[in-house]
Amino acid sequence: MRTAAAVLRKDLRLELRTREAVPAMALFALTTFVIFHFGLDRRSLEGELAAGVLWVTLLFAAMLGVNRLFVAEREQGGFDAFLLAPVDRTAMFAAKAAGLFAYLCAVELVAIPAFVVLLLGPGPGAAFPELLLVLVLANAGVAVVGTLAGALAIQTRARDLIAPLVALPLLVPVVIASARATAPLLAEAGAGAFPAKWPLILALYDVVFGLLAYAVFDYLLED
């Protein structure tokens, strides 16, 4: 845990200095919402359509952060230094996943209000505690799978292409479950009944892929 915390602090300080990942992710999300606002030619969205637009946008914005996750280690020899250090190598996975989770939360602080202003009318009454739960569970799944895909892609020349190609198919269940859970919260008539099964599916997805990624990351780092 101490090693993971040290790597996480380093990554967060680097992001605060360079501002490479989070501003790009936030700008992408805002631009996409603006495009949907004018492209769909509708005053407001609701229900399944609104949930689909929200989660697809957040997913593609997350890919920008995935592509930048291991760039510093690749360019500055961080992988070699970590392999030579007498520490648990899965600490890097925990740190990178936590960092990506933090990036996603920071982006959503900007993206969700913009989504409400640009694409939701005054009618939908979003149930914010339930929406927050779905966001946390979905962010955890994206962080785990995105970290694993980023570690795999960084070893290739076409890393900007390989990471999305690996991560996006694995994240389809996250998008489906998140959109189904969010759709009743964005109904035009007000927040509907919150379906408990979709958050449970998200939680199960997070646990399964978290354990899987934790098990294979050590071997992936060596290769």
Protein backbone atom coordinates (compact mmCIF):
# COMPACT_ATOMS: atom_id res chain seq x y z
CA MET A 1 0.00 0.00 0.00
CA ARG A 2 2.86 2.37 0.76
CA THR A 3 4.38 1.77 -2.68
CA ALA A 4 1.05 2.24 -4.43
CA ALA A 5 0.44 5.46 -2.51
CA ALA A 6 3.88 6.80 -3.52
CA VAL A 7 3.25 6.04 -7.20
CA LEU A 8 -0.22 7.58 -7.01
CA ARG A 9 1.14 10.77 -5.43
CA LYS A 10 3.76 11.00 -8.17
CA ASP A 11 1.14 10.60 -10.91
CA LEU A 12 -1.23 13.17 -9.39
CA ARG A 13 1.58 15.71 -8.96
CA LEU A 14 2.68 15.13 -12.54
CA GLU A 15 -0.86 15.68 -13.79
CA LEU A 16 -1.20 18.87 -11.75
CA ARG A 17 2.00 20.17 -13.35
CA THR A 18 1.45 19.13 -16.94
CA ARG A 19 -2.37 19.07 -17.13
CA GLU A 20 -2.26 16.63 -20.02
CA ALA A 21 -4.97 14.07 -19.31
CA VAL A 22 -7.83 15.61 -17.32
CA PRO A 23 -8.25 18.86 -19.33
CA ALA A 24 -8.21 16.89 -22.59
CA MET A 25 -10.79 14.45 -21.26
CA ALA A 26 -13.03 17.25 -19.98
CA LEU A 27 -12.73 19.22 -23.21
CA PHE A 28 -13.61 16.13 -25.24
CA ALA A 29 -16.71 15.50 -23.12
CA LEU A 30 -17.85 19.13 -23.33
CA THR A 31 -17.30 19.24 -27.09
CA THR A 32 -19.25 16.01 -27.57
CA PHE A 33 -22.17 17.32 -25.53
CA VAL A 34 -22.22 20.49 -27.63
CA ILE A 35 -22.23 18.40 -30.82
CA PHE A 36 -25.13 16.30 -29.54
CA HIS A 37 -26.95 19.46 -28.47
CA PHE A 38 -26.95 20.89 -31.99
CA GLY A 39 -26.75 17.65 -33.96
CA LEU A 40 -29.86 16.03 -32.49
CA ASP A 41 -31.84 19.27 -32.92
CA ARG A 42 -33.89 18.66 -29.81
CA ARG A 43 -34.54 20.93 -26.88
CA SER A 44 -33.84 18.22 -24.36
CA LEU A 45 -33.16 14.51 -23.99
CA GLU A 46 -34.63 12.10 -21.49
CA GLY A 47 -34.66 8.48 -20.48
CA GLU A 48 -32.66 5.92 -22.43
CA LEU A 49 -31.44 8.37 -25.08
CA ALA A 50 -30.04 10.76 -22.47
CA ALA A 51 -28.38 7.90 -20.57
CA GLY A 52 -26.84 6.54 -23.77
CA VAL A 53 -25.40 9.90 -24.76
CA LEU A 54 -23.98 10.44 -21.27
CA TRP A 55 -22.23 7.09 -20.90
CA VAL A 56 -20.90 6.81 -24.43
CA THR A 57 -19.39 10.26 -24.09
CA LEU A 58 -17.81 9.49 -20.71
CA LEU A 59 -16.44 6.19 -22.02
CA PHE A 60 -14.72 7.72 -25.03
CA ALA A 61 -13.38 10.57 -22.90
CA ALA A 62 -11.89 7.97 -20.55
CA MET A 63 -9.91 6.49 -23.47
CA LEU A 64 -7.84 9.68 -23.61
CA GLY A 65 -6.78 9.12 -20.02
CA VAL A 66 -6.06 5.44 -20.67
CA ASN A 67 -3.69 6.35 -23.51
CA ARG A 68 -1.69 8.68 -21.25
CA LEU A 69 -1.63 6.43 -18.19
CA PHE A 70 1.77 4.76 -18.70
CA VAL A 71 3.45 7.23 -21.05
CA ALA A 72 5.75 8.68 -18.37
CA GLU A 73 6.94 5.22 -17.30
CA ARG A 74 7.58 4.26 -20.91
CA GLU A 75 9.47 7.41 -21.90
CA GLN A 76 11.43 7.97 -18.67
CA GLY A 77 12.39 4.39 -17.78
CA GLY A 78 9.90 4.03 -14.97
CA PHE A 79 9.15 0.42 -15.85
CA ASP A 80 12.79 -0.64 -15.52
CA ALA A 81 13.20 1.20 -12.21
CA PHE A 82 10.05 -0.39 -10.84
CA LEU A 83 11.14 -3.87 -11.89
CA LEU A 84 14.51 -3.40 -10.17
CA ALA A 85 12.95 -2.09 -6.95
CA PRO A 86 12.22 -4.63 -4.15
CA VAL A 87 8.48 -3.92 -4.12
CA ASP A 88 5.29 -5.71 -5.09
CA ARG A 89 4.80 -5.04 -8.78
CA THR A 90 1.02 -5.07 -8.55
CA ALA A 91 1.36 -1.85 -6.54
CA MET A 92 1.76 -0.07 -9.86
CA PHE A 93 -1.55 -1.48 -11.04
CA ALA A 94 -3.31 -0.31 -7.88
CA ALA A 95 -1.78 3.16 -8.18
CA LYS A 96 -2.57 3.56 -11.87
CA ALA A 97 -6.15 2.33 -11.44
CA ALA A 98 -6.67 4.72 -8.52
CA GLY A 99 -5.20 7.56 -10.57
CA LEU A 100 -7.48 6.87 -13.52
CA PHE A 101 -10.44 6.68 -11.14
CA ALA A 102 -9.49 10.11 -9.78
CA TYR A 103 -9.19 11.49 -13.34
CA LEU A 104 -12.67 10.23 -14.19
CA CYS A 105 -14.16 11.77 -11.06
CA ALA A 106 -12.51 15.12 -11.84
CA VAL A 107 -13.83 15.05 -15.41
CA GLU A 108 -17.35 14.22 -14.25
CA LEU A 109 -17.37 17.23 -11.93
CA VAL A 110 -17.30 19.30 -15.11
CA ALA A 111 -19.06 16.98 -17.56
CA ILE A 112 -22.20 16.17 -15.55
CA PRO A 113 -23.23 19.83 -14.98
CA ALA A 114 -22.53 20.55 -18.66
CA PHE A 115 -24.65 17.56 -19.65
CA VAL A 116 -27.52 18.81 -17.48
CA VAL A 117 -27.35 22.32 -18.94
CA LEU A 118 -26.92 21.34 -22.59
CA LEU A 119 -28.99 18.20 -22.96
CA LEU A 120 -31.45 17.88 -20.08
CA GLY A 121 -34.51 20.03 -19.88
CA PRO A 122 -36.01 21.39 -16.66
CA GLY A 123 -38.33 18.38 -16.40
CA PRO A 124 -36.06 15.46 -15.48
CA GLY A 125 -35.52 15.20 -11.76
CA ALA A 126 -32.29 13.22 -11.44
CA ALA A 127 -31.89 11.27 -8.22
CA PHE A 128 -28.36 12.35 -7.42
CA PRO A 129 -27.47 9.77 -4.71
CA GLU A 130 -28.38 6.93 -7.08
CA LEU A 131 -26.58 8.60 -9.98
CA LEU A 132 -23.50 9.06 -7.79
CA LEU A 133 -23.53 5.36 -6.92
CA VAL A 134 -23.67 4.38 -10.60
CA LEU A 135 -20.86 6.81 -11.44
CA VAL A 136 -18.60 5.37 -8.73
CA LEU A 137 -19.21 1.77 -9.77
CA ALA A 138 -18.77 2.54 -13.46
CA ASN A 139 -15.61 4.55 -12.82
CA ALA A 140 -14.14 1.63 -10.91
CA GLY A 141 -14.79 -0.74 -13.81
CA VAL A 142 -13.36 1.65 -16.37
CA ALA A 143 -10.30 2.27 -14.19
CA VAL A 144 -9.54 -1.43 -13.77
CA VAL A 145 -9.99 -2.43 -17.42
CA GLY A 146 -8.43 0.79 -18.71
CA THR A 147 -5.31 0.27 -16.59
CA LEU A 148 -4.91 -3.28 -17.84
CA ALA A 149 -5.43 -2.23 -21.48
CA GLY A 150 -3.06 0.71 -21.10
CA ALA A 151 -0.31 -1.50 -19.67
CA LEU A 152 -0.72 -3.90 -22.58
CA ALA A 153 -0.82 -1.21 -25.26
CA ILE A 154 2.13 0.85 -24.00
CA GLN A 155 4.51 -1.92 -25.08
CA THR A 156 3.41 -1.56 -28.72
CA ARG A 157 4.11 1.10 -31.32
CA ALA A 158 0.44 1.80 -32.03
CA ARG A 159 -0.46 2.26 -28.36
CA ASP A 160 -3.02 5.02 -29.09
CA LEU A 161 -4.92 2.55 -31.26
CA ILE A 162 -4.40 -0.68 -29.33
CA ALA A 163 -5.62 0.59 -25.95
CA PRO A 164 -9.14 1.54 -27.17
CA LEU A 165 -9.39 -1.62 -29.27
CA VAL A 166 -8.65 -3.75 -26.21
CA ALA A 167 -10.61 -1.75 -23.63
CA LEU A 168 -13.81 -0.83 -25.47
CA PRO A 169 -15.13 -4.38 -26.07
CA LEU A 170 -14.43 -5.27 -22.44
CA LEU A 171 -16.26 -2.15 -21.25
CA VAL A 172 -19.48 -2.79 -23.19
CA PRO A 173 -21.12 -4.40 -20.10
CA VAL A 174 -20.24 -1.30 -18.07
CA VAL A 175 -21.94 0.98 -20.58
CA ILE A 176 -25.04 -1.21 -20.82
CA ALA A 177 -25.46 -1.59 -17.07
CA SER A 178 -24.74 2.09 -16.38
CA ALA A 179 -27.16 3.29 -19.06
CA ARG A 180 -29.92 0.94 -17.88
CA ALA A 181 -29.44 2.08 -14.28
CA THR A 182 -29.35 5.76 -15.23
CA ALA A 183 -32.27 5.86 -17.69
CA PRO A 184 -35.03 5.90 -15.03
CA LEU A 185 -33.24 8.71 -13.22
CA LEU A 186 -33.35 10.87 -16.36
CA ALA A 187 -37.02 10.27 -17.20
CA GLU A 188 -38.95 13.33 -18.32
CA ALA A 189 -41.68 12.74 -15.76
CA GLY A 190 -39.16 12.63 -12.93
CA ALA A 191 -36.90 10.03 -11.44
CA GLY A 192 -38.39 6.57 -11.77
CA ALA A 193 -37.78 3.49 -9.68
CA PHE A 194 -34.08 2.79 -9.35
CA PRO A 195 -33.32 -0.75 -10.64
CA ALA A 196 -31.05 -2.37 -8.06
CA LYS A 197 -29.91 -5.23 -10.30
CA TRP A 198 -27.79 -3.02 -12.58
CA PRO A 199 -25.60 -1.58 -9.78
CA LEU A 200 -25.15 -5.13 -8.53
CA ILE A 201 -24.02 -6.21 -11.99
CA LEU A 202 -21.57 -3.31 -12.06
CA ALA A 203 -20.23 -4.26 -8.64
CA LEU A 204 -19.79 -7.89 -9.73
CA TYR A 205 -18.02 -6.74 -12.90
CA ASP A 206 -15.65 -4.58 -10.84
CA VAL A 207 -14.77 -7.45 -8.51
CA VAL A 208 -14.24 -10.04 -11.26
CA PHE A 209 -12.13 -7.86 -13.52
CA GLY A 210 -10.30 -6.36 -10.57
CA LEU A 211 -9.16 -9.78 -9.39
CA LEU A 212 -8.34 -10.84 -12.96
CA ALA A 213 -6.28 -7.73 -13.66
CA TYR A 214 -4.51 -8.00 -10.31
CA ALA A 215 -3.57 -11.60 -11.10
CA VAL A 216 -2.14 -10.99 -14.59
CA PHE A 217 -0.57 -7.55 -14.19
CA ASP A 218 2.63 -8.91 -12.66
CA TYR A 219 3.30 -11.11 -15.68
CA LEU A 220 2.28 -8.36 -18.07
CA LEU A 221 4.78 -5.96 -16.48
CA GLU A 222 7.60 -8.47 -16.81
CA ASP A 223 6.91 -9.03 -20.52
